[in-house]
């Protein structure tokens, strides 16, 4: 493109009127050059100058001296300058004449794509936690006394009904025997009163009173027998002694902890689920349905290469006021050939597949997070690629749970759709694309 400043300065030098552009300047320059090289024209402009042959005319216009006489030096210099400017203007403006603008071609952007469908898409979510026993309880005697037998140690495996501890039963046996003697005496008194009444000599009130005394004696005997039984501590279920608290020959109070017994044949794992993940969980499902949907697996930190199938046991609907998380519990069986103990750190892995979602009537597709974006109003969208034209169209979508690098798109897309999964922030409506690997 010709510099506008150059055209402006040349227009000041050359005598052009009106609009003076590059074309006008070239025309004027050519006319001036022709005039100085044409003797006839020069003759008209200088009538006192004698007309000579072409060579003399050229010489006259170039140097300002005719064969018949001399021209002033200043006039010769002016004519010479005009000629040079005219020629220079023609050459310069023609050299910088505007070049045609190059034709703009549409750029085809390479992107990664994926085709939806098949039910094979899936996402995973991981939550850390701690292994605990399915059953864990502190055991104690129901009555006070002195421990005379405590055949347990930490880690000892016991079976249901096995003896764990024994208090001195002497006082409780004496109390039971006294209650039993009192019951027998009252039973004998009742028999005599009833016999006398049947003979018409006694009163009904006496019989009724003796009967009430017998009932009280029976209750006392029952309590005395229970107290005697409570001097023996037995395992309520099969498990393992997690901790021995009391010592043998120690005097203990009622309800004072003696040991901790755990059932580790079945283990549990407690996790805290963030509220953003909890809010995206499918509502209205039973624990069995949730287990089939997400197929939970437990991975113990000390055994990273092994996974143990788990199941939903409980899911709190009340958030922790401090952490804003919801408590979830997963149960799993303790394998007999691996030593997994309560207190070990672990994580639960949840799997969600499109096929499992369809089984419970939930539609949608699982796509990479890079396949979706949000506009200025926070509305999510994806880019659908036309199979024939390879041009993209923006599609509003509704999002579900996100896990790692994947996200669940609830609606807006259909099976068989081809979507962009890279560079979505650089795409525009109708832009032509091609697969990145082409």
Protein backbone atom coordinates (compact mmCIF):
# COMPACT_ATOMS: atom_id res chain seq x y z
CA UNK A 1 0.00 0.00 0.00
CA UNK A 2 1.37 3.45 -0.99
CA UNK A 3 2.31 5.72 1.90
CA UNK A 4 -0.22 8.58 2.20
CA UNK A 5 2.47 10.99 3.38
CA UNK A 6 4.39 10.45 0.14
CA UNK A 7 1.33 11.26 -1.95
CA UNK A 8 0.73 14.37 0.12
CA UNK A 9 4.25 15.78 -0.32
CA UNK A 10 4.29 15.04 -4.06
CA UNK A 11 0.96 16.84 -4.39
CA UNK A 12 2.61 19.97 -2.98
CA UNK A 13 5.38 19.83 -5.57
CA UNK A 14 3.27 18.98 -8.63
CA UNK A 15 0.50 21.34 -9.81
CA UNK A 16 -2.61 19.22 -9.22
CA UNK A 17 -6.01 20.63 -8.33
CA UNK A 18 -8.97 19.02 -6.53
CA UNK A 19 -8.51 15.45 -5.26
CA UNK A 20 -4.83 14.59 -5.64
CA UNK A 21 -4.19 10.86 -5.30
CA UNK A 22 -1.48 8.59 -6.61
CA UNK A 23 -3.19 8.13 -9.99
CA UNK A 24 -3.54 11.89 -10.49
CA UNK A 25 0.09 12.50 -9.57
CA UNK A 26 1.26 9.86 -12.05
CA UNK A 27 -0.83 11.46 -14.80
CA UNK A 28 0.54 14.96 -14.08
CA UNK A 29 4.10 13.71 -13.92
CA UNK A 30 3.72 11.95 -17.26
CA UNK A 31 2.25 15.07 -18.85
CA UNK A 32 5.11 17.25 -17.62
CA UNK A 33 7.70 14.83 -18.87
CA UNK A 34 5.99 14.62 -22.24
CA UNK A 35 5.79 18.39 -22.48
CA UNK A 36 9.50 18.83 -21.90
CA UNK A 37 10.38 16.10 -24.35
CA UNK A 38 7.94 17.36 -27.05
CA UNK A 39 9.41 20.29 -28.97
CA UNK A 40 6.11 21.39 -30.43
CA UNK A 41 4.62 21.81 -27.01
CA UNK A 42 7.69 23.66 -25.86
CA UNK A 43 7.42 25.92 -28.88
CA UNK A 44 3.88 26.90 -27.94
CA UNK A 45 4.91 27.66 -24.41
CA UNK A 46 7.97 29.73 -25.58
CA UNK A 47 6.95 31.49 -28.79
CA UNK A 48 10.18 33.50 -28.91
CA UNK A 49 12.20 30.33 -28.99
CA UNK A 50 13.03 29.09 -32.44
CA UNK A 51 11.91 25.56 -33.28
CA UNK A 52 14.71 23.17 -34.15
CA UNK A 53 14.91 19.48 -34.80
CA UNK A 54 14.04 16.96 -32.12
CA UNK A 55 17.54 16.58 -30.82
CA UNK A 56 17.94 20.34 -30.40
CA UNK A 57 14.53 20.54 -28.66
CA UNK A 58 15.49 17.90 -26.23
CA UNK A 59 18.75 19.60 -25.52
CA UNK A 60 16.96 22.92 -25.12
CA UNK A 61 14.51 21.46 -22.54
CA UNK A 62 17.23 19.63 -20.67
CA UNK A 63 19.85 22.36 -20.36
CA UNK A 64 17.82 25.48 -21.13
CA UNK A 65 20.13 26.64 -24.00
CA UNK A 66 18.99 26.88 -27.57
CA UNK A 67 21.37 26.75 -30.55
CA UNK A 68 20.50 30.32 -31.30
CA UNK A 69 21.08 31.77 -27.85
CA UNK A 70 21.56 31.28 -24.14
CA UNK A 71 18.87 30.94 -21.42
CA UNK A 72 19.40 32.18 -17.95
CA UNK A 73 20.99 29.63 -15.64
CA UNK A 74 18.16 29.80 -13.07
CA UNK A 75 15.50 29.06 -15.69
CA UNK A 76 17.50 26.09 -16.95
CA UNK A 77 17.83 24.74 -13.43
CA UNK A 78 14.06 25.01 -12.82
CA UNK A 79 13.19 23.14 -16.00
CA UNK A 80 15.72 20.47 -15.18
CA UNK A 81 14.24 20.00 -11.66
CA UNK A 82 10.69 19.74 -13.00
CA UNK A 83 11.71 17.02 -15.36
CA UNK A 84 13.47 14.98 -12.69
CA UNK A 85 10.57 15.33 -10.24
CA UNK A 86 8.08 14.19 -12.85
CA UNK A 87 10.06 11.09 -13.74
CA UNK A 88 10.77 10.31 -10.08
CA UNK A 89 7.08 10.63 -9.17
CA UNK A 90 6.02 8.21 -11.88
CA UNK A 91 8.58 5.59 -10.90
CA UNK A 92 8.05 5.91 -7.14
CA UNK A 93 4.26 5.82 -7.16
CA UNK A 94 4.11 2.95 -9.61
CA UNK A 95 6.55 0.99 -7.44
CA UNK A 96 4.44 1.45 -4.28
CA UNK A 97 1.10 0.96 -5.96
CA UNK A 98 -1.37 -0.92 -3.81
CA UNK A 99 -0.99 -4.69 -3.92
CA UNK A 100 -4.17 -6.81 -3.92
CA UNK A 101 -5.11 -8.11 -0.46
CA UNK A 102 -4.60 -11.87 -0.04
CA UNK A 103 -7.73 -14.00 0.01
CA UNK A 104 -8.71 -15.07 3.58
CA UNK A 105 -9.10 -18.81 4.02
CA UNK A 106 -11.10 -20.49 6.82
CA UNK A 107 -8.93 -22.28 9.35
CA UNK A 108 -9.95 -25.83 10.28
CA UNK A 109 -9.18 -26.36 13.97
CA UNK A 110 -7.87 -29.78 15.05
CA UNK A 111 -9.56 -31.12 18.21
CA UNK A 112 -10.04 -34.34 20.13
CA UNK A 113 -13.47 -35.92 19.73
CA UNK A 114 -15.50 -38.79 21.17
CA UNK A 115 -18.70 -40.54 20.13
CA UNK A 116 -21.33 -41.11 22.84
CA UNK A 117 -23.04 -44.43 23.43
CA UNK A 118 -22.44 -48.07 24.22
CA UNK A 119 -22.91 -47.69 27.99
CA UNK A 120 -19.21 -48.19 28.58
CA UNK A 121 -18.41 -44.74 29.91
CA UNK A 122 -17.75 -44.45 33.61
CA UNK A 123 -16.40 -42.32 36.43
CA UNK A 124 -14.77 -43.16 39.73
CA UNK A 125 -14.69 -41.34 43.04
CA UNK A 126 -12.39 -41.98 45.97
CA UNK A 127 -12.92 -41.15 49.65
CA UNK A 128 -10.34 -41.80 52.39
CA UNK A 129 -11.27 -43.30 55.72
CA UNK A 130 -10.36 -45.66 58.53
CA UNK A 131 -11.14 -49.36 58.93
CA UNK A 132 -13.20 -50.31 61.96
CA UNK A 133 -14.71 -53.52 63.30
CA UNK A 134 -18.30 -54.30 62.41
CA UNK A 135 -18.89 -54.97 66.13
CA UNK A 136 -16.82 -53.44 68.89
CA UNK A 137 -17.90 -53.21 72.50
CA UNK A 138 -16.47 -52.56 75.94
CA UNK A 139 -17.43 -55.43 78.24
CA UNK A 140 -17.89 -55.10 82.00
CA UNK A 141 -19.43 -56.89 84.97
CA UNK A 142 -22.96 -55.92 85.90
CA UNK A 143 -22.17 -56.23 89.61
CA UNK A 144 -19.22 -55.11 91.72
CA UNK A 145 -16.69 -57.55 93.12
CA UNK A 146 -13.19 -58.92 93.04
CA UNK A 147 -11.86 -60.50 89.87
CA UNK A 148 -10.60 -63.99 90.60
CA UNK A 149 -10.21 -65.16 87.01
CA UNK A 150 -9.33 -63.21 83.82
CA UNK A 151 -8.11 -65.66 81.16
CA UNK A 152 -7.60 -63.12 78.37
CA UNK A 153 -4.78 -61.27 76.62
CA UNK A 154 -4.73 -58.64 73.90
CA UNK A 155 -5.38 -60.17 70.51
CA UNK A 156 -6.84 -63.40 71.84
CA UNK A 157 -9.53 -64.88 69.63
CA UNK A 158 -12.60 -66.08 71.50
CA UNK A 159 -15.83 -67.78 70.58
CA UNK A 160 -19.35 -66.87 71.57
CA UNK A 161 -20.12 -67.95 75.20
CA UNK A 162 -16.47 -68.38 76.15
CA UNK A 163 -15.47 -67.28 79.70
CA UNK A 164 -13.72 -63.92 79.76
CA UNK A 165 -13.74 -63.11 83.49
CA UNK A 166 -15.00 -64.28 86.89
CA UNK A 167 -15.75 -62.38 90.11
CA UNK A 168 -15.67 -63.95 93.56
CA UNK A 169 -19.22 -65.41 93.80
CA UNK A 170 -19.31 -66.20 97.54
CA UNK A 171 -21.40 -63.24 98.68
CA UNK A 172 -23.77 -63.59 95.74
CA UNK A 173 -24.21 -67.30 96.35
CA UNK A 174 -25.11 -66.60 100.01
CA UNK A 175 -27.64 -63.98 98.96
CA UNK A 176 -29.15 -66.38 96.46
CA UNK A 177 -29.39 -69.15 99.06
CA UNK A 178 -31.06 -66.80 101.58
CA UNK A 179 -33.60 -65.71 98.99
CA UNK A 180 -34.31 -69.29 98.14
CA UNK A 181 -34.83 -70.21 101.83
CA UNK A 182 -37.22 -67.30 102.29
CA UNK A 183 -39.23 -68.37 99.25
CA UNK A 184 -39.52 -71.90 100.57
CA UNK A 185 -40.66 -70.69 103.99
CA UNK A 186 -43.33 -68.47 102.45
CA UNK A 187 -44.49 -71.29 100.21
CA UNK A 188 -44.94 -73.50 103.30
CA UNK A 189 -46.84 -70.71 105.10
CA UNK A 190 -49.12 -70.29 102.09
CA UNK A 191 -49.89 -73.98 102.03
CA UNK A 192 -50.90 -73.95 105.71
CA UNK A 193 -53.04 -70.82 105.33
CA UNK A 194 -54.77 -72.25 102.29
CA UNK A 195 -55.46 -75.54 104.06
CA UNK A 196 -56.93 -73.81 107.13
CA UNK A 197 -59.07 -71.59 104.91
CA UNK A 198 -60.35 -74.60 103.00
CA UNK A 199 -61.39 -76.14 106.35
CA UNK A 200 -63.38 -73.00 107.10
CA UNK A 201 -61.19 -71.80 109.96
CA UNK A 202 -58.98 -69.20 108.28
CA UNK A 203 -59.62 -65.97 106.38
CA UNK A 204 -59.23 -65.15 102.71
CA UNK A 205 -57.19 -62.08 103.58
CA UNK A 206 -54.57 -64.21 105.29
CA UNK A 207 -54.33 -66.46 102.27
CA UNK A 208 -53.99 -63.51 99.88
CA UNK A 209 -51.28 -61.86 102.00
CA UNK A 210 -49.23 -65.06 102.11
CA UNK A 211 -49.58 -65.40 98.34
CA UNK A 212 -48.30 -61.83 97.79
CA UNK A 213 -45.33 -62.54 100.05
CA UNK A 214 -44.48 -65.56 97.96
CA UNK A 215 -44.45 -63.45 94.76
CA UNK A 216 -42.08 -60.92 96.38
CA UNK A 217 -39.82 -63.72 97.55
CA UNK A 218 -39.69 -65.14 94.05
CA UNK A 219 -38.63 -61.75 92.60
CA UNK A 220 -35.93 -61.43 95.22
CA UNK A 221 -34.69 -64.90 94.43
CA UNK A 222 -34.67 -64.05 90.72
CA UNK A 223 -32.57 -60.94 91.31
CA UNK A 224 -30.20 -62.80 93.60
CA UNK A 225 -29.72 -65.48 90.96
CA UNK A 226 -29.06 -62.87 88.26
CA UNK A 227 -26.49 -61.12 90.45
CA UNK A 228 -24.77 -64.46 90.94
CA UNK A 229 -24.85 -65.11 87.20
CA UNK A 230 -23.40 -61.64 86.55
CA UNK A 231 -20.25 -62.56 88.41
CA UNK A 232 -19.34 -64.47 85.25
CA UNK A 233 -18.38 -62.52 82.07
CA UNK A 234 -18.81 -64.39 78.78
CA UNK A 235 -18.24 -63.44 75.13
CA UNK A 236 -21.49 -62.21 73.53
CA UNK A 237 -20.16 -63.06 70.08
CA UNK A 238 -17.09 -64.57 68.48
CA UNK A 239 -14.31 -62.08 68.03
CA UNK A 240 -10.96 -60.88 69.19
CA UNK A 241 -9.89 -59.19 72.41
CA UNK A 242 -8.79 -55.79 71.15
CA UNK A 243 -7.71 -54.49 74.56
CA UNK A 244 -7.49 -55.86 78.09
CA UNK A 245 -8.28 -53.06 80.54
CA UNK A 246 -8.57 -54.63 84.02
CA UNK A 247 -6.22 -56.97 85.85
CA UNK A 248 -6.80 -60.17 87.74
CA UNK A 249 -7.59 -59.89 91.49
CA UNK A 250 -8.68 -56.31 90.98
CA UNK A 251 -11.77 -54.96 92.70
CA UNK A 252 -14.07 -53.42 90.14
CA UNK A 253 -17.33 -51.54 90.20
CA UNK A 254 -20.41 -52.41 88.23
CA UNK A 255 -20.15 -51.19 84.59
CA UNK A 256 -16.40 -50.60 84.92
CA UNK A 257 -14.77 -51.60 81.58
CA UNK A 258 -12.83 -54.86 81.70
CA UNK A 259 -11.92 -55.40 78.03
CA UNK A 260 -12.75 -54.42 74.42
CA UNK A 261 -14.07 -57.20 72.19
CA UNK A 262 -14.24 -56.80 68.42
CA UNK A 263 -15.77 -58.87 65.66
CA UNK A 264 -13.34 -58.55 62.76
CA UNK A 265 -14.84 -61.21 60.52
CA UNK A 266 -16.79 -58.32 59.05
CA UNK A 267 -15.17 -54.90 58.80
CA UNK A 268 -16.43 -51.43 58.12
CA UNK A 269 -15.01 -48.23 56.77
CA UNK A 270 -16.23 -44.79 57.74
CA UNK A 271 -15.79 -41.94 55.24
CA UNK A 272 -16.75 -38.28 55.07
CA UNK A 273 -18.46 -37.28 51.83
CA UNK A 274 -18.22 -33.58 50.81
CA UNK A 275 -21.53 -31.81 50.39
CA UNK A 276 -20.93 -31.09 46.68
CA UNK A 277 -20.61 -34.83 46.03
CA UNK A 278 -23.46 -35.75 48.37
CA UNK A 279 -25.83 -33.30 46.64
CA UNK A 280 -25.24 -35.06 43.29
CA UNK A 281 -26.08 -38.54 44.60
CA UNK A 282 -29.15 -40.13 43.06
CA UNK A 283 -32.01 -39.73 45.58
CA UNK A 284 -34.54 -42.37 46.57
CA UNK A 285 -32.30 -45.43 46.22
CA UNK A 286 -32.01 -48.23 48.76
CA UNK A 287 -28.60 -49.30 50.04
CA UNK A 288 -28.79 -52.40 47.85
CA UNK A 289 -29.50 -50.26 44.77
CA UNK A 290 -26.66 -47.89 45.62
CA UNK A 291 -24.31 -50.85 46.02
CA UNK A 292 -25.25 -52.19 42.58
CA UNK A 293 -24.92 -48.72 41.06
CA UNK A 294 -21.49 -47.68 42.33
CA UNK A 295 -19.86 -51.09 43.03
CA UNK A 296 -17.80 -49.87 46.04
CA UNK A 297 -14.35 -51.34 46.61
CA UNK A 298 -12.03 -51.00 49.60
CA UNK A 299 -8.29 -50.46 49.11
CA UNK A 300 -6.20 -50.67 52.28
CA UNK A 301 -3.16 -48.38 52.25
CA UNK A 302 -0.80 -51.21 53.21
CA UNK A 303 -2.21 -53.40 50.39
CA UNK A 304 -2.52 -51.01 47.41
CA UNK A 305 -2.71 -53.80 44.83
CA UNK A 306 -5.71 -55.56 46.40
CA UNK A 307 -9.35 -54.52 46.23
CA UNK A 308 -12.12 -55.87 48.42
CA UNK A 309 -15.80 -55.65 47.38
CA UNK A 310 -17.88 -53.59 49.80
CA UNK A 311 -21.50 -52.60 50.30
CA UNK A 312 -23.38 -49.58 51.57
CA UNK A 313 -24.33 -49.87 55.24
CA UNK A 314 -25.40 -46.36 56.20
CA UNK A 315 -25.44 -42.83 54.84
CA UNK A 316 -26.09 -39.87 57.11
CA UNK A 317 -28.40 -37.09 55.97
CA UNK A 318 -27.09 -34.59 58.51
CA UNK A 319 -23.91 -32.67 57.76
CA UNK A 320 -21.13 -32.22 60.26
CA UNK A 321 -21.43 -28.57 61.39
CA UNK A 322 -17.66 -28.04 61.20
CA UNK A 323 -16.48 -29.99 58.15
CA UNK A 324 -19.75 -29.76 56.17
CA UNK A 325 -19.42 -33.42 55.22
CA UNK A 326 -21.80 -36.37 55.46
CA UNK A 327 -20.82 -39.62 57.17
CA UNK A 328 -21.01 -42.79 55.13
CA UNK A 329 -20.27 -46.37 56.21
CA UNK A 330 -19.29 -49.26 53.96
CA UNK A 331 -19.11 -52.88 55.11
CA UNK A 332 -16.85 -55.61 53.73
CA UNK A 333 -15.77 -59.10 54.72
CA UNK A 334 -12.34 -59.60 56.23
CA UNK A 335 -10.47 -62.09 54.03
CA UNK A 336 -9.18 -65.04 56.07
CA UNK A 337 -5.77 -65.04 54.41
CA UNK A 338 -5.01 -61.34 54.90
CA UNK A 339 -4.51 -59.51 58.16
CA UNK A 340 -6.71 -56.40 57.98
CA UNK A 341 -7.24 -54.79 61.37
CA UNK A 342 -9.34 -51.92 62.72
CA UNK A 343 -7.55 -48.59 62.64
CA UNK A 344 -5.85 -49.15 59.29
CA UNK A 345 -6.13 -46.32 56.77
CA UNK A 346 -7.87 -47.09 53.51
CA UNK A 347 -10.03 -45.60 50.78
CA UNK A 348 -13.30 -46.55 49.16
CA UNK A 349 -13.57 -46.39 45.37
CA UNK A 350 -16.99 -45.86 43.81
CA UNK A 351 -17.61 -46.75 40.15
CA UNK A 352 -20.47 -45.31 38.10
CA UNK A 353 -21.06 -46.60 34.56
CA UNK A 354 -23.58 -45.51 31.95
CA UNK A 355 -24.91 -49.06 31.79
CA UNK A 356 -25.58 -49.18 35.55
CA UNK A 357 -27.28 -45.79 35.39
CA UNK A 358 -29.58 -47.08 32.67
CA UNK A 359 -30.47 -50.13 34.80
CA UNK A 360 -32.00 -47.90 37.47
CA UNK A 361 -33.67 -45.60 34.93
CA UNK A 362 -31.14 -42.77 35.04
CA UNK A 363 -30.02 -41.45 31.63
CA UNK A 364 -26.97 -39.49 30.62
CA UNK A 365 -23.40 -39.93 29.52
CA UNK A 366 -20.05 -39.82 31.26
CA UNK A 367 -17.56 -37.58 29.46
CA UNK A 368 -14.21 -35.93 30.23
CA UNK A 369 -14.41 -32.68 32.18
CA UNK A 370 -12.62 -31.05 29.23
CA UNK A 371 -15.73 -31.63 27.08
CA UNK A 372 -17.88 -29.06 28.90
CA UNK A 373 -17.61 -25.35 29.58
CA UNK A 374 -19.75 -22.60 31.11
CA UNK A 375 -20.84 -19.23 29.75
CA UNK A 376 -20.93 -15.92 31.60
CA UNK A 377 -24.21 -16.85 33.30
CA UNK A 378 -22.81 -20.16 34.55
CA UNK A 379 -24.82 -22.30 32.11
CA UNK A 380 -22.99 -25.42 31.00
CA UNK A 381 -22.63 -26.38 27.36
CA UNK A 382 -20.82 -28.79 25.03
CA UNK A 383 -19.93 -28.73 21.33
CA UNK A 384 -21.63 -31.25 19.02
CA UNK A 385 -19.78 -32.01 15.76
CA UNK A 386 -21.84 -32.51 12.59
CA UNK A 387 -20.71 -35.77 11.02
CA UNK A 388 -21.16 -34.47 7.45
CA UNK A 389 -19.93 -30.87 7.56
CA UNK A 390 -17.54 -31.26 10.50
CA UNK A 391 -18.84 -27.99 11.93
CA UNK A 392 -19.59 -27.51 15.62
CA UNK A 393 -22.82 -26.43 17.27
CA UNK A 394 -23.18 -25.32 20.88
CA UNK A 395 -25.49 -27.53 22.97
CA UNK A 396 -26.76 -26.63 26.51
CA UNK A 397 -26.28 -29.54 28.95
CA UNK A 398 -27.19 -30.41 32.53
CA UNK A 399 -24.35 -31.75 34.64
CA UNK A 400 -24.31 -34.41 37.35
CA UNK A 401 -21.56 -35.71 39.65
CA UNK A 402 -17.93 -35.00 38.85
CA UNK A 403 -15.14 -37.38 39.79
CA UNK A 404 -11.52 -36.87 38.91
CA UNK A 405 -11.25 -36.04 35.21
CA UNK A 406 -14.77 -37.19 34.28
CA UNK A 407 -18.25 -35.74 34.67
CA UNK A 408 -21.78 -37.07 34.28
CA UNK A 409 -23.91 -35.20 31.69
CA UNK A 410 -27.55 -35.82 32.63
CA UNK A 411 -29.22 -34.44 29.50
CA UNK A 412 -28.63 -32.37 26.39
CA UNK A 413 -26.74 -35.06 24.47
CA UNK A 414 -27.89 -38.20 22.68
CA UNK A 415 -26.41 -41.58 21.88
CA UNK A 416 -24.30 -41.39 18.73
CA UNK A 417 -23.46 -37.71 19.17
CA UNK A 418 -19.89 -36.78 18.35
CA UNK A 419 -18.60 -34.10 20.70
CA UNK A 420 -15.43 -32.08 21.16
CA UNK A 421 -13.37 -33.04 24.21
CA UNK A 422 -10.51 -30.57 23.83
CA UNK A 423 -10.16 -26.88 23.06
CA UNK A 424 -13.82 -26.18 23.84
CA UNK A 425 -13.04 -22.63 25.02
CA UNK A 426 -11.58 -21.77 21.60
CA UNK A 427 -14.47 -23.02 19.47
CA UNK A 428 -17.13 -20.80 17.90
CA UNK A 429 -20.56 -21.56 16.47
CA UNK A 430 -20.22 -23.09 13.00
CA UNK A 431 -16.43 -23.44 13.17
CA UNK A 432 -15.05 -26.27 11.06
CA UNK A 433 -12.97 -28.86 12.89
CA UNK A 434 -11.10 -32.06 12.21
CA UNK A 435 -9.87 -34.92 14.41
CA UNK A 436 -6.58 -34.08 16.06
CA UNK A 437 -4.87 -37.24 14.84
CA UNK A 438 -5.54 -36.54 11.14
